[in-house]
């Protein structure tokens, strides 16, 4: 009878260890799921930030192009005035 009791105690102990490991595995799986969700959110945020950054660069480039055109027009107008002034001096 003692052998059977020891065997039953051993089995109960192993069952308890297995149950504890299953709980730990479930906890780890829940943590993995949570981290995967966070990574997905961060990835989407990075995509959005990248898209917004590209749009901002495009807007800034358009503004720079417009400023370059205005500078070129101002230089041309200044050259025309200078040429006109020189012509009047002659």
Protein backbone atom coordinates (compact mmCIF):
# COMPACT_ATOMS: atom_id res chain seq x y z
CA UNK A 1 0.00 0.00 0.00
CA UNK A 2 2.87 2.35 0.71
CA UNK A 3 4.17 1.99 -2.84
CA UNK A 4 0.77 2.95 -4.24
CA UNK A 5 0.59 5.97 -1.92
CA UNK A 6 4.06 7.12 -2.95
CA UNK A 7 3.15 6.66 -6.59
CA UNK A 8 -0.08 8.62 -6.15
CA UNK A 9 1.79 11.38 -4.32
CA UNK A 10 4.35 11.48 -7.13
CA UNK A 11 1.60 11.64 -9.74
CA UNK A 12 -0.19 14.44 -7.84
CA UNK A 13 3.07 16.35 -7.53
CA UNK A 14 3.74 16.00 -11.25
CA UNK A 15 0.15 16.96 -12.06
CA UNK A 16 0.58 20.10 -9.93
CA UNK A 17 3.86 20.90 -11.70
CA UNK A 18 2.20 20.41 -15.08
CA UNK A 19 -0.70 22.66 -14.05
CA UNK A 20 1.75 25.34 -12.88
CA UNK A 21 3.66 25.09 -16.16
CA UNK A 22 0.43 25.38 -18.13
CA UNK A 23 -0.49 28.51 -16.18
CA UNK A 24 2.96 29.95 -16.81
CA UNK A 25 2.67 29.11 -20.52
CA UNK A 26 -0.75 30.78 -20.69
CA UNK A 27 0.68 33.86 -18.99
CA UNK A 28 3.64 33.96 -21.38
CA UNK A 29 1.31 33.53 -24.37
CA UNK A 30 -0.84 36.41 -23.12
CA UNK A 31 2.29 38.55 -22.76
CA UNK A 32 3.37 37.62 -26.29
CA UNK A 33 -0.07 38.54 -27.64
CA UNK A 34 0.05 41.89 -25.83
CA UNK A 35 3.55 42.62 -27.13
CA UNK A 36 2.56 41.66 -30.68
CA UNK A 37 -0.36 44.10 -30.43
CA UNK A 38 1.98 46.84 -29.20
CA UNK A 39 4.45 46.14 -32.02
CA UNK A 40 1.61 46.31 -34.56
CA UNK A 41 0.49 49.66 -33.12
CA UNK A 42 4.04 51.00 -33.22
CA UNK A 43 4.45 49.79 -36.80
CA UNK A 44 1.25 51.56 -37.85
CA UNK A 45 2.37 54.71 -36.04
CA UNK A 46 5.74 54.55 -37.81
CA UNK A 47 4.00 54.16 -41.17
CA UNK A 48 1.79 57.15 -40.42
CA UNK A 49 4.76 59.24 -39.28
CA UNK A 50 6.71 58.28 -42.39
CA UNK A 51 3.79 59.21 -44.64
CA UNK A 52 3.30 62.52 -42.82
CA UNK A 53 7.04 63.21 -43.02
CA UNK A 54 7.00 62.61 -46.77
CA UNK A 55 3.99 64.89 -47.20
CA UNK A 56 5.72 67.59 -45.13
CA UNK A 57 8.87 67.29 -47.26
CA UNK A 58 6.78 67.60 -50.42
CA UNK A 59 5.07 70.73 -49.06
CA UNK A 60 8.41 72.21 -48.03
CA UNK A 61 9.88 71.44 -51.44
CA UNK A 62 6.90 73.13 -53.11
CA UNK A 63 7.43 76.20 -50.90
CA UNK A 64 11.16 76.21 -51.70
CA UNK A 65 10.41 75.94 -55.42
CA UNK A 66 7.95 78.82 -55.16
CA UNK A 67 10.50 80.91 -53.26
CA UNK A 68 13.13 80.13 -55.91
CA UNK A 69 10.74 81.35 -58.62
CA UNK A 70 10.02 84.55 -56.70
CA UNK A 71 13.75 85.15 -56.23
CA UNK A 72 14.38 84.59 -59.94
CA UNK A 73 11.57 87.02 -60.82
CA UNK A 74 12.94 89.60 -58.38
CA UNK A 75 16.44 89.24 -59.84
CA UNK A 76 15.06 89.59 -63.38
CA UNK A 77 13.09 92.70 -62.38
CA UNK A 78 16.16 94.14 -60.68
CA UNK A 79 18.29 93.49 -63.76
CA UNK A 80 15.63 95.11 -65.96
CA UNK A 81 15.58 98.20 -63.71
CA UNK A 82 19.37 98.34 -63.72
CA UNK A 83 19.47 98.07 -67.52
CA UNK A 84 16.79 100.76 -67.80
CA UNK A 85 18.73 103.03 -65.45
CA UNK A 86 21.93 102.51 -67.44
CA UNK A 87 20.07 103.26 -70.68
CA UNK A 88 18.74 106.51 -69.21
CA UNK A 89 22.25 107.55 -68.15
CA UNK A 90 23.49 107.31 -71.72
